[in-house]
Amino acid sequence: MAVSRALRRLLRIRELEEEQGRIALESALGELNRLKQAQQATLERDRRGRRLVASSAQTGTFEDRLAGMEETRAAGRVALALKPRVWDAEQDVAGLREGYLARRVERRQAKTLIEEAETRDAQDTERRSQQGLDDWFRNRLHRAEAVAHEVQPAGSAARANHSAARKDNMSAHEETSMCPETANRAALKET
């Protein structure tokens, strides 16, 4: 049984689905990384604000203290806004990763089905080829034996000639290839 076009189409569809899943996953991962970088920037902004407040306490500048407190407060608001978005992005990435892995498994299953069918086809072809060669050789031996029995009288001389015919047949086989086409060419040359 040859691999059907439907199976090959199924494999191609699975490959396309896997590729789309991979692209969607990479996009979601990029978004998640962007949000995490924004969180890190917010944390750094909060640290800068705290340092500004601490330095203003030593220098006594009121404007630096207010600016530091405002930086810390703004960083807190941004962090609160980013937290649910990061959580949602992580959930999206987890779902897309599962979908991608499921599509990958489906593609591999389709590929395995095709490979198994191709292996079975190759084995069947090899088996048929070997069977044809075996049949050809067996028929050749039987023809030689039949000719030897028709020509020789019964008795010990017949057995001796039968053995000689078999040896001649084996040597003729060694001279020609095991391929029936080569044997047919040799037979045509003899006539």
N, C-alpha and C. Protein backbone atom coordinates (compact mmCIF):
# COMPACT_ATOMS: atom_id res chain seq x y z
N MET A 1 0.84 -1.18 0.00
CA MET A 1 0.00 0.00 0.00
C MET A 1 0.89 1.24 0.00
N ALA A 2 0.77 2.02 -1.00
CA ALA A 2 1.56 3.24 -1.09
C ALA A 2 0.98 4.29 -0.13
N VAL A 3 1.83 5.20 0.24
CA VAL A 3 1.40 6.28 1.12
C VAL A 3 0.41 7.15 0.35
N SER A 4 -0.76 7.33 0.91
CA SER A 4 -1.79 8.06 0.19
C SER A 4 -1.50 9.56 0.21
N ARG A 5 -2.10 10.23 -0.77
CA ARG A 5 -1.96 11.69 -0.83
C ARG A 5 -2.63 12.34 0.37
N ALA A 6 -3.68 11.71 0.86
CA ALA A 6 -4.38 12.26 2.03
C ALA A 6 -3.45 12.30 3.24
N LEU A 7 -2.65 11.24 3.43
CA LEU A 7 -1.70 11.22 4.54
C LEU A 7 -0.63 12.28 4.36
N ARG A 8 -0.17 12.43 3.15
CA ARG A 8 0.85 13.47 2.89
C ARG A 8 0.26 14.87 3.11
N ARG A 9 -0.98 15.07 2.70
CA ARG A 9 -1.65 16.36 2.95
C ARG A 9 -1.82 16.60 4.44
N LEU A 10 -2.18 15.53 5.15
CA LEU A 10 -2.33 15.64 6.60
C LEU A 10 -1.01 16.05 7.24
N LEU A 11 0.08 15.45 6.80
CA LEU A 11 1.39 15.83 7.33
C LEU A 11 1.70 17.29 7.03
N ARG A 12 1.41 17.72 5.82
CA ARG A 12 1.67 19.12 5.45
C ARG A 12 0.82 20.08 6.29
N ILE A 13 -0.43 19.72 6.52
CA ILE A 13 -1.30 20.55 7.36
C ILE A 13 -0.76 20.61 8.78
N ARG A 14 -0.33 19.46 9.30
CA ARG A 14 0.24 19.42 10.66
C ARG A 14 1.50 20.27 10.75
N GLU A 15 2.32 20.24 9.70
CA GLU A 15 3.53 21.07 9.70
C GLU A 15 3.18 22.55 9.72
N LEU A 16 2.17 22.94 8.92
CA LEU A 16 1.74 24.34 8.89
C LEU A 16 1.15 24.77 10.24
N GLU A 17 0.34 23.90 10.83
CA GLU A 17 -0.24 24.22 12.14
C GLU A 17 0.85 24.38 13.19
N GLU A 18 1.83 23.48 13.13
CA GLU A 18 2.94 23.57 14.09
C GLU A 18 3.71 24.88 13.89
N GLU A 19 3.95 25.24 12.65
CA GLU A 19 4.67 26.48 12.36
C GLU A 19 3.88 27.70 12.87
N GLN A 20 2.57 27.71 12.64
CA GLN A 20 1.74 28.81 13.13
C GLN A 20 1.75 28.86 14.65
N GLY A 21 1.69 27.70 15.28
CA GLY A 21 1.75 27.64 16.75
C GLY A 21 3.07 28.17 17.28
N ARG A 22 4.16 27.83 16.58
CA ARG A 22 5.48 28.30 17.00
C ARG A 22 5.57 29.82 16.87
N ILE A 23 5.05 30.35 15.77
CA ILE A 23 5.09 31.80 15.56
C ILE A 23 4.25 32.51 16.63
N ALA A 24 3.06 31.98 16.92
CA ALA A 24 2.21 32.59 17.95
C ALA A 24 2.89 32.53 19.32
N LEU A 25 3.54 31.40 19.61
CA LEU A 25 4.25 31.26 20.88
C LEU A 25 5.40 32.25 20.98
N GLU A 26 6.16 32.37 19.90
CA GLU A 26 7.28 33.33 19.91
C GLU A 26 6.77 34.75 20.10
N SER A 27 5.65 35.08 19.48
CA SER A 27 5.07 36.42 19.63
C SER A 27 4.64 36.66 21.07
N ALA A 28 3.97 35.68 21.67
CA ALA A 28 3.52 35.81 23.06
C ALA A 28 4.71 35.90 24.01
N LEU A 29 5.76 35.12 23.72
CA LEU A 29 6.97 35.19 24.56
C LEU A 29 7.62 36.56 24.45
N GLY A 30 7.61 37.13 23.24
CA GLY A 30 8.16 38.48 23.06
C GLY A 30 7.37 39.50 23.86
N GLU A 31 6.05 39.38 23.85
CA GLU A 31 5.20 40.29 24.63
C GLU A 31 5.46 40.12 26.12
N LEU A 32 5.57 38.88 26.57
CA LEU A 32 5.84 38.61 27.99
C LEU A 32 7.20 39.20 28.40
N ASN A 33 8.20 39.02 27.55
CA ASN A 33 9.52 39.57 27.86
C ASN A 33 9.47 41.10 27.90
N ARG A 34 8.72 41.71 27.01
CA ARG A 34 8.59 43.17 27.01
C ARG A 34 7.94 43.65 28.30
N LEU A 35 6.90 42.94 28.76
CA LEU A 35 6.23 43.32 30.00
C LEU A 35 7.15 43.13 31.22
N LYS A 36 7.93 42.05 31.19
CA LYS A 36 8.86 41.82 32.31
C LYS A 36 9.97 42.87 32.33
N GLN A 37 10.40 43.29 31.15
CA GLN A 37 11.39 44.36 31.10
C GLN A 37 10.79 45.66 31.62
N ALA A 38 9.52 45.90 31.33
CA ALA A 38 8.84 47.09 31.86
C ALA A 38 8.73 47.01 33.38
N GLN A 39 8.49 45.80 33.91
CA GLN A 39 8.46 45.63 35.37
C GLN A 39 9.83 45.94 35.97
N GLN A 40 10.88 45.45 35.31
CA GLN A 40 12.24 45.72 35.81
C GLN A 40 12.53 47.22 35.77
N ALA A 41 12.11 47.88 34.71
CA ALA A 41 12.31 49.33 34.61
C ALA A 41 11.54 50.05 35.71
N THR A 42 10.35 49.54 36.04
CA THR A 42 9.56 50.13 37.12
C THR A 42 10.26 49.95 38.46
N LEU A 43 10.82 48.78 38.69
CA LEU A 43 11.57 48.55 39.93
C LEU A 43 12.78 49.49 40.02
N GLU A 44 13.45 49.66 38.90
CA GLU A 44 14.61 50.57 38.88
C GLU A 44 14.15 52.01 39.13
N ARG A 45 13.01 52.38 38.59
CA ARG A 45 12.47 53.73 38.82
C ARG A 45 12.15 53.92 40.30
N ASP A 46 11.59 52.89 40.93
CA ASP A 46 11.29 52.94 42.36
C ASP A 46 12.58 53.10 43.17
N ARG A 47 13.61 52.36 42.80
CA ARG A 47 14.90 52.47 43.52
C ARG A 47 15.50 53.87 43.38
N ARG A 48 15.42 54.39 42.16
CA ARG A 48 15.94 55.76 41.95
C ARG A 48 15.20 56.77 42.81
N GLY A 49 13.88 56.63 42.90
CA GLY A 49 13.08 57.53 43.73
C GLY A 49 13.47 57.42 45.19
N ARG A 50 13.67 56.21 45.67
CA ARG A 50 14.08 56.02 47.07
C ARG A 50 15.46 56.63 47.33
N ARG A 51 16.37 56.41 46.35
CA ARG A 51 17.71 57.01 46.51
C ARG A 51 17.62 58.53 46.53
N LEU A 52 16.75 59.08 45.71
CA LEU A 52 16.59 60.53 45.66
C LEU A 52 16.04 61.05 47.00
N VAL A 53 15.09 60.32 47.58
CA VAL A 53 14.55 60.71 48.89
C VAL A 53 15.65 60.63 49.95
N ALA A 54 16.44 59.55 49.91
CA ALA A 54 17.52 59.39 50.90
C ALA A 54 18.58 60.47 50.74
N SER A 55 18.93 60.81 49.52
CA SER A 55 19.95 61.84 49.31
C SER A 55 19.41 63.22 49.68
N SER A 56 18.11 63.45 49.49
CA SER A 56 17.53 64.75 49.85
C SER A 56 17.48 64.92 51.37
N ALA A 57 17.38 63.81 52.08
CA ALA A 57 17.40 63.90 53.53
C ALA A 57 18.78 64.35 54.02
N GLN A 58 19.82 63.97 53.31
CA GLN A 58 21.18 64.38 53.69
C GLN A 58 21.47 65.81 53.24
N THR A 59 21.00 66.17 52.04
CA THR A 59 21.30 67.51 51.52
C THR A 59 20.28 68.54 51.98
N GLY A 60 19.07 68.10 52.29
CA GLY A 60 18.05 69.01 52.77
C GLY A 60 17.27 69.71 51.68
N THR A 61 17.38 69.26 50.41
CA THR A 61 16.62 69.90 49.33
C THR A 61 15.23 69.31 49.28
N PHE A 62 14.25 70.15 49.41
CA PHE A 62 12.86 69.73 49.46
C PHE A 62 12.36 69.25 48.10
N GLU A 63 12.82 69.87 47.01
CA GLU A 63 12.37 69.50 45.67
C GLU A 63 12.79 68.08 45.33
N ASP A 64 14.03 67.68 45.70
CA ASP A 64 14.50 66.32 45.43
C ASP A 64 13.68 65.31 46.21
N ARG A 65 13.31 65.69 47.43
CA ARG A 65 12.51 64.79 48.25
C ARG A 65 11.13 64.59 47.62
N LEU A 66 10.49 65.64 47.16
CA LEU A 66 9.19 65.51 46.50
C LEU A 66 9.30 64.73 45.19
N ALA A 67 10.35 65.01 44.43
CA ALA A 67 10.56 64.29 43.16
C ALA A 67 10.78 62.80 43.44
N GLY A 68 11.55 62.48 44.44
CA GLY A 68 11.80 61.08 44.79
C GLY A 68 10.53 60.38 45.23
N MET A 69 9.72 61.07 46.05
CA MET A 69 8.46 60.47 46.51
C MET A 69 7.50 60.27 45.32
N GLU A 70 7.47 61.20 44.40
CA GLU A 70 6.60 61.06 43.23
C GLU A 70 7.08 59.93 42.32
N GLU A 71 8.39 59.80 42.15
CA GLU A 71 8.94 58.68 41.36
C GLU A 71 8.54 57.34 41.98
N THR A 72 8.65 57.23 43.28
CA THR A 72 8.29 55.98 43.97
C THR A 72 6.81 55.69 43.82
N ARG A 73 5.98 56.74 43.97
CA ARG A 73 4.53 56.56 43.84
C ARG A 73 4.16 56.17 42.40
N ALA A 74 4.75 56.80 41.40
CA ALA A 74 4.45 56.49 39.99
C ALA A 74 4.90 55.07 39.65
N ALA A 75 6.06 54.69 40.20
CA ALA A 75 6.54 53.32 39.95
C ALA A 75 5.59 52.30 40.55
N GLY A 76 5.05 52.61 41.72
CA GLY A 76 4.08 51.71 42.35
C GLY A 76 2.81 51.56 41.52
N ARG A 77 2.32 52.69 40.96
CA ARG A 77 1.11 52.62 40.12
C ARG A 77 1.36 51.80 38.85
N VAL A 78 2.53 52.04 38.23
CA VAL A 78 2.85 51.29 37.01
C VAL A 78 3.01 49.79 37.33
N ALA A 79 3.65 49.49 38.47
CA ALA A 79 3.82 48.09 38.86
C ALA A 79 2.47 47.43 39.08
N LEU A 80 1.53 48.14 39.70
CA LEU A 80 0.19 47.59 39.90
C LEU A 80 -0.52 47.36 38.57
N ALA A 81 -0.31 48.23 37.61
CA ALA A 81 -0.95 48.07 36.29
C ALA A 81 -0.30 46.93 35.51
N LEU A 82 1.00 46.75 35.68
CA LEU A 82 1.71 45.71 34.92
C LEU A 82 1.47 44.30 35.47
N LYS A 83 1.26 44.18 36.76
CA LYS A 83 1.15 42.86 37.39
C LYS A 83 0.07 41.98 36.74
N PRO A 84 -1.19 42.45 36.56
CA PRO A 84 -2.20 41.58 35.93
C PRO A 84 -1.88 41.31 34.45
N ARG A 85 -1.28 42.29 33.79
CA ARG A 85 -0.94 42.07 32.37
C ARG A 85 0.14 41.00 32.24
N VAL A 86 1.12 41.01 33.14
CA VAL A 86 2.17 39.98 33.12
C VAL A 86 1.56 38.62 33.41
N TRP A 87 0.64 38.57 34.38
CA TRP A 87 0.01 37.30 34.72
C TRP A 87 -0.78 36.77 33.52
N ASP A 88 -1.54 37.64 32.86
CA ASP A 88 -2.31 37.23 31.67
C ASP A 88 -1.37 36.75 30.56
N ALA A 89 -0.28 37.47 30.37
CA ALA A 89 0.68 37.08 29.32
C ALA A 89 1.30 35.72 29.65
N GLU A 90 1.59 35.47 30.92
CA GLU A 90 2.14 34.15 31.31
C GLU A 90 1.13 33.05 31.04
N GLN A 91 -0.16 33.31 31.32
CA GLN A 91 -1.20 32.32 31.04
C GLN A 91 -1.33 32.08 29.53
N ASP A 92 -1.26 33.15 28.76
CA ASP A 92 -1.32 33.01 27.30
C ASP A 92 -0.14 32.17 26.78
N VAL A 93 1.05 32.46 27.30
CA VAL A 93 2.24 31.72 26.87
C VAL A 93 2.10 30.24 27.23
N ALA A 94 1.60 29.96 28.44
CA ALA A 94 1.43 28.57 28.86
C ALA A 94 0.44 27.84 27.94
N GLY A 95 -0.68 28.50 27.62
CA GLY A 95 -1.67 27.88 26.72
C GLY A 95 -1.13 27.68 25.32
N LEU A 96 -0.41 28.69 24.80
CA LEU A 96 0.17 28.57 23.46
C LEU A 96 1.25 27.51 23.42
N ARG A 97 2.02 27.39 24.50
CA ARG A 97 3.06 26.36 24.55
C ARG A 97 2.44 24.97 24.52
N GLU A 98 1.36 24.78 25.28
CA GLU A 98 0.67 23.48 25.26
C GLU A 98 0.10 23.19 23.87
N GLY A 99 -0.50 24.19 23.26
CA GLY A 99 -1.03 24.01 21.91
C GLY A 99 0.06 23.68 20.91
N TYR A 100 1.18 24.38 21.02
CA TYR A 100 2.31 24.13 20.11
C TYR A 100 2.83 22.71 20.29
N LEU A 101 3.00 22.29 21.54
CA LEU A 101 3.50 20.93 21.79
C LEU A 101 2.50 19.87 21.29
N ALA A 102 1.21 20.14 21.44
CA ALA A 102 0.19 19.20 20.95
C ALA A 102 0.27 19.10 19.43
N ARG A 103 0.43 20.24 18.75
CA ARG A 103 0.54 20.22 17.28
C ARG A 103 1.82 19.51 16.85
N ARG A 104 2.86 19.70 17.61
CA ARG A 104 4.13 19.03 17.30
C ARG A 104 3.99 17.52 17.42
N VAL A 105 3.29 17.06 18.46
CA VAL A 105 3.05 15.63 18.64
C VAL A 105 2.21 15.10 17.48
N GLU A 106 1.17 15.84 17.08
CA GLU A 106 0.32 15.41 15.96
C GLU A 106 1.13 15.32 14.67
N ARG A 107 2.03 16.28 14.44
CA ARG A 107 2.86 16.24 13.23
C ARG A 107 3.78 15.03 13.26
N ARG A 108 4.37 14.78 14.41
CA ARG A 108 5.27 13.62 14.52
C ARG A 108 4.52 12.31 14.34
N GLN A 109 3.29 12.23 14.82
CA GLN A 109 2.49 11.03 14.63
C GLN A 109 2.19 10.81 13.15
N ALA A 110 1.83 11.87 12.45
CA ALA A 110 1.56 11.76 11.01
C ALA A 110 2.83 11.35 10.27
N LYS A 111 3.95 11.93 10.66
CA LYS A 111 5.23 11.59 10.02
C LYS A 111 5.58 10.13 10.28
N THR A 112 5.34 9.66 11.50
CA THR A 112 5.62 8.27 11.83
C THR A 112 4.74 7.33 11.01
N LEU A 113 3.47 7.69 10.84
CA LEU A 113 2.57 6.86 10.02
C LEU A 113 3.10 6.74 8.59
N ILE A 114 3.54 7.85 8.04
CA ILE A 114 4.06 7.84 6.67
C ILE A 114 5.34 7.02 6.59
N GLU A 115 6.24 7.20 7.54
CA GLU A 115 7.49 6.44 7.53
C GLU A 115 7.24 4.94 7.65
N GLU A 116 6.29 4.57 8.53
CA GLU A 116 5.96 3.15 8.68
C GLU A 116 5.37 2.58 7.39
N ALA A 117 4.51 3.35 6.74
CA ALA A 117 3.91 2.89 5.48
C ALA A 117 4.98 2.75 4.41
N GLU A 118 5.92 3.70 4.35
CA GLU A 118 7.00 3.62 3.37
C GLU A 118 7.91 2.43 3.66
N THR A 119 8.17 2.16 4.93
CA THR A 119 9.00 1.01 5.30
C THR A 119 8.30 -0.29 4.91
N ARG A 120 6.99 -0.36 5.19
CA ARG A 120 6.22 -1.55 4.81
C ARG A 120 6.23 -1.75 3.30
N ASP A 121 6.07 -0.67 2.55
CA ASP A 121 6.09 -0.74 1.08
C ASP A 121 7.45 -1.23 0.59
N ALA A 122 8.51 -0.72 1.17
CA ALA A 122 9.85 -1.13 0.76
C ALA A 122 10.07 -2.61 1.07
N GLN A 123 9.62 -3.05 2.24
CA GLN A 123 9.76 -4.47 2.60
C GLN A 123 8.95 -5.35 1.66
N ASP A 124 7.73 -4.93 1.35
CA ASP A 124 6.90 -5.71 0.42
C ASP A 124 7.53 -5.79 -0.96
N THR A 125 8.08 -4.69 -1.42
CA THR A 125 8.74 -4.68 -2.73
C THR A 125 9.95 -5.59 -2.73
N GLU A 126 10.73 -5.52 -1.68
CA GLU A 126 11.91 -6.39 -1.57
C GLU A 126 11.50 -7.86 -1.50
N ARG A 127 10.44 -8.14 -0.74
CA ARG A 127 9.96 -9.52 -0.61
C ARG A 127 9.47 -10.05 -1.97
N ARG A 128 8.71 -9.22 -2.70
CA ARG A 128 8.23 -9.65 -4.02
C ARG A 128 9.38 -9.87 -4.99
N SER A 129 10.35 -8.99 -4.93
CA SER A 129 11.52 -9.13 -5.81
C SER A 129 12.27 -10.42 -5.51
N GLN A 130 12.49 -10.68 -4.23
CA GLN A 130 13.20 -11.91 -3.86
C GLN A 130 12.38 -13.14 -4.22
N GLN A 131 11.08 -13.07 -4.05
CA GLN A 131 10.22 -14.19 -4.40
C GLN A 131 10.27 -14.46 -5.91
N GLY A 132 10.29 -13.39 -6.70
CA GLY A 132 10.41 -13.55 -8.15
C GLY A 132 11.73 -14.22 -8.53
N LEU A 133 12.81 -13.80 -7.90
CA LEU A 133 14.10 -14.43 -8.18
C LEU A 133 14.10 -15.90 -7.75
N ASP A 134 13.53 -16.18 -6.59
CA ASP A 134 13.46 -17.57 -6.12
C ASP A 134 12.63 -18.42 -7.06
N ASP A 135 11.49 -17.91 -7.51
CA ASP A 135 10.64 -18.65 -8.45
C ASP A 135 11.37 -18.89 -9.77
N TRP A 136 12.05 -17.89 -10.25
CA TRP A 136 12.79 -18.01 -11.51
C TRP A 136 13.86 -19.09 -11.39
N PHE A 137 14.61 -19.09 -10.31
CA PHE A 137 15.67 -20.07 -10.13
C PHE A 137 15.08 -21.47 -9.96
N ARG A 138 14.00 -21.59 -9.18
CA ARG A 138 13.37 -22.89 -8.96
C ARG A 138 12.83 -23.44 -10.28
N ASN A 139 12.19 -22.60 -11.08
CA ASN A 139 11.67 -23.05 -12.38
C ASN A 139 12.80 -23.48 -13.30
N ARG A 140 13.88 -22.82 -13.25
CA ARG A 140 15.02 -23.17 -14.08
C ARG A 140 15.58 -24.54 -13.70
N LEU A 141 15.68 -24.81 -12.40
CA LEU A 141 16.15 -26.12 -11.95
C LEU A 141 15.18 -27.22 -12.36
N HIS A 142 13.90 -26.97 -12.21
CA HIS A 142 12.91 -27.98 -12.57
C HIS A 142 12.89 -28.25 -14.07
N ARG A 143 13.09 -27.22 -14.88
CA ARG A 143 13.16 -27.42 -16.32
C ARG A 143 14.35 -28.28 -16.69
N ALA A 144 15.49 -28.01 -16.06
CA ALA A 144 16.69 -28.79 -16.34
C ALA A 144 16.50 -30.25 -15.92
N GLU A 145 15.85 -30.48 -14.78
CA GLU A 145 15.60 -31.84 -14.32
C GLU A 145 14.63 -32.55 -15.25
N ALA A 146 13.60 -31.83 -15.73
CA ALA A 146 12.63 -32.44 -16.63
C ALA A 146 13.29 -32.83 -17.95
N VAL A 147 14.16 -31.97 -18.46
CA VAL A 147 14.85 -32.28 -19.70
C VAL A 147 15.77 -33.49 -19.49
N ALA A 148 16.44 -33.58 -18.36
CA ALA A 148 17.34 -34.69 -18.08
C ALA A 148 16.57 -35.99 -17.96
N HIS A 149 15.39 -35.99 -17.39
CA HIS A 149 14.59 -37.20 -17.25
C HIS A 149 14.04 -37.66 -18.59
N GLU A 150 13.68 -36.75 -19.47
CA GLU A 150 13.14 -37.13 -20.76
C GLU A 150 14.20 -37.74 -21.66
N VAL A 151 15.41 -37.25 -21.59
CA VAL A 151 16.47 -37.69 -22.48
C VAL A 151 17.08 -39.01 -22.03
N GLN A 152 17.27 -39.24 -20.76
CA GLN A 152 18.00 -40.39 -20.24
C GLN A 152 17.09 -41.59 -19.99
N PRO A 153 17.65 -42.82 -20.19
CA PRO A 153 16.89 -44.02 -19.84
C PRO A 153 16.87 -44.19 -18.32
N ALA A 154 15.96 -45.03 -17.87
CA ALA A 154 15.83 -45.26 -16.42
C ALA A 154 17.02 -46.03 -15.90
N GLY A 155 17.27 -45.90 -14.60
CA GLY A 155 18.35 -46.65 -13.97
C GLY A 155 19.45 -45.77 -13.44
N SER A 156 20.60 -46.41 -13.22
CA SER A 156 21.72 -45.70 -12.59
C SER A 156 22.31 -44.66 -13.53
N ALA A 157 22.29 -44.93 -14.82
CA ALA A 157 22.81 -43.95 -15.77
C ALA A 157 21.97 -42.68 -15.71
N ALA A 158 20.67 -42.84 -15.47
CA ALA A 158 19.79 -41.68 -15.39
C ALA A 158 20.14 -40.84 -14.17
N ARG A 159 20.40 -41.52 -13.04
CA ARG A 159 20.76 -40.77 -11.83
C ARG A 159 22.07 -40.05 -12.01
N ALA A 160 23.02 -40.71 -12.68
CA ALA A 160 24.32 -40.07 -12.90
C ALA A 160 24.17 -38.86 -13.82
N ASN A 161 23.36 -39.04 -14.87
CA ASN A 161 23.13 -37.91 -15.78
C ASN A 161 22.33 -36.80 -15.11
N HIS A 162 21.42 -37.21 -14.23
CA HIS A 162 20.66 -36.21 -13.49
C HIS A 162 21.59 -35.36 -12.63
N SER A 163 22.54 -36.00 -11.97
CA SER A 163 23.51 -35.26 -11.15
C SER A 163 24.37 -34.37 -12.03
N ALA A 164 24.76 -34.89 -13.20
CA ALA A 164 25.57 -34.10 -14.12
C ALA A 164 24.79 -32.91 -14.65
N ALA A 165 23.50 -33.15 -14.96
CA ALA A 165 22.67 -32.05 -15.45
C ALA A 165 22.50 -30.98 -14.37
N ARG A 166 22.33 -31.41 -13.16
CA ARG A 166 22.20 -30.46 -12.05
C ARG A 166 23.48 -29.64 -11.89
N LYS A 167 24.65 -30.31 -11.99
CA LYS A 167 25.93 -29.59 -11.89
C LYS A 167 26.09 -28.61 -13.05
N ASP A 168 25.70 -29.07 -14.27
CA ASP A 168 25.76 -28.16 -15.42
C ASP A 168 24.84 -26.96 -15.21
N ASN A 169 23.67 -27.25 -14.68
CA ASN A 169 22.72 -26.17 -14.42
C ASN A 169 23.28 -25.19 -13.40
N MET A 170 23.91 -25.70 -12.35
CA MET A 170 24.50 -24.83 -11.32
C MET A 170 25.64 -24.02 -11.92
N SER A 171 26.49 -24.64 -12.77
CA SER A 171 27.60 -23.88 -13.36
C SER A 171 27.05 -22.84 -14.34
N ALA A 172 25.99 -23.20 -15.06
CA ALA A 172 25.38 -22.22 -15.96
C ALA A 172 24.79 -21.06 -15.16
N HIS A 173 24.25 -21.39 -14.01
CA HIS A 173 23.71 -20.33 -13.15
C HIS A 173 24.83 -19.43 -12.64
N GLU A 174 25.95 -20.00 -12.30
CA GLU A 174 27.07 -19.18 -11.81
C GLU A 174 27.61 -18.28 -12.91
N GLU A 175 27.55 -18.74 -14.16
CA GLU A 175 28.05 -17.94 -15.27
C GLU A 175 27.13 -16.75 -15.55
N THR A 176 25.85 -16.95 -15.33
CA THR A 176 24.91 -15.86 -15.60
C THR A 176 24.56 -15.19 -14.28
N SER A 177 23.96 -14.09 -14.42
CA SER A 177 23.51 -13.36 -13.23
C SER A 177 22.27 -14.03 -12.69
N MET A 178 21.90 -13.70 -11.47
CA MET A 178 20.65 -14.22 -10.90
C MET A 178 19.46 -13.50 -11.50
N CYS A 179 19.70 -12.51 -12.29
CA CYS A 179 18.64 -11.71 -12.87
C CYS A 179 18.04 -12.44 -14.08
N PRO A 180 16.72 -12.59 -14.17
CA PRO A 180 16.10 -13.29 -15.29
C PRO A 180 16.37 -12.63 -16.64
N GLU A 181 16.51 -11.31 -16.66
CA GLU A 181 16.76 -10.63 -17.92
C GLU A 181 18.12 -11.04 -18.49
N THR A 182 19.12 -11.20 -17.65
CA THR A 182 20.45 -11.61 -18.10
C THR A 182 20.42 -13.04 -18.62
N ALA A 183 19.66 -13.89 -17.95
CA ALA A 183 19.54 -15.29 -18.40
C ALA A 183 18.85 -15.35 -19.76
N ASN A 184 17.83 -14.53 -19.95
CA ASN A 184 17.13 -14.52 -21.24
C ASN A 184 18.07 -14.05 -22.35
N ARG A 185 18.89 -13.07 -22.07
CA ARG A 185 19.85 -12.58 -23.08
C ARG A 185 20.86 -13.69 -23.43
N ALA A 186 21.33 -14.40 -22.40
CA ALA A 186 22.29 -15.49 -22.65
C ALA A 186 21.64 -16.58 -23.50
N ALA A 187 20.39 -16.90 -23.22
CA ALA A 187 19.68 -17.94 -23.98
C ALA A 187 19.51 -17.50 -25.43
N LEU A 188 19.25 -16.21 -25.67
CA LEU A 188 19.11 -15.71 -27.04
C LEU A 188 20.44 -15.78 -27.78
N LYS A 189 21.53 -15.55 -27.09
CA LYS A 189 22.85 -15.59 -27.73
C LYS A 189 23.20 -17.01 -28.14
N GLU A 190 22.78 -18.01 -27.34
CA GLU A 190 23.09 -19.41 -27.65
C GLU A 190 22.34 -19.89 -28.88
N THR A 191 21.18 -19.34 -29.16
CA THR A 191 20.38 -19.84 -30.30
C THR A 191 20.74 -19.18 -31.60
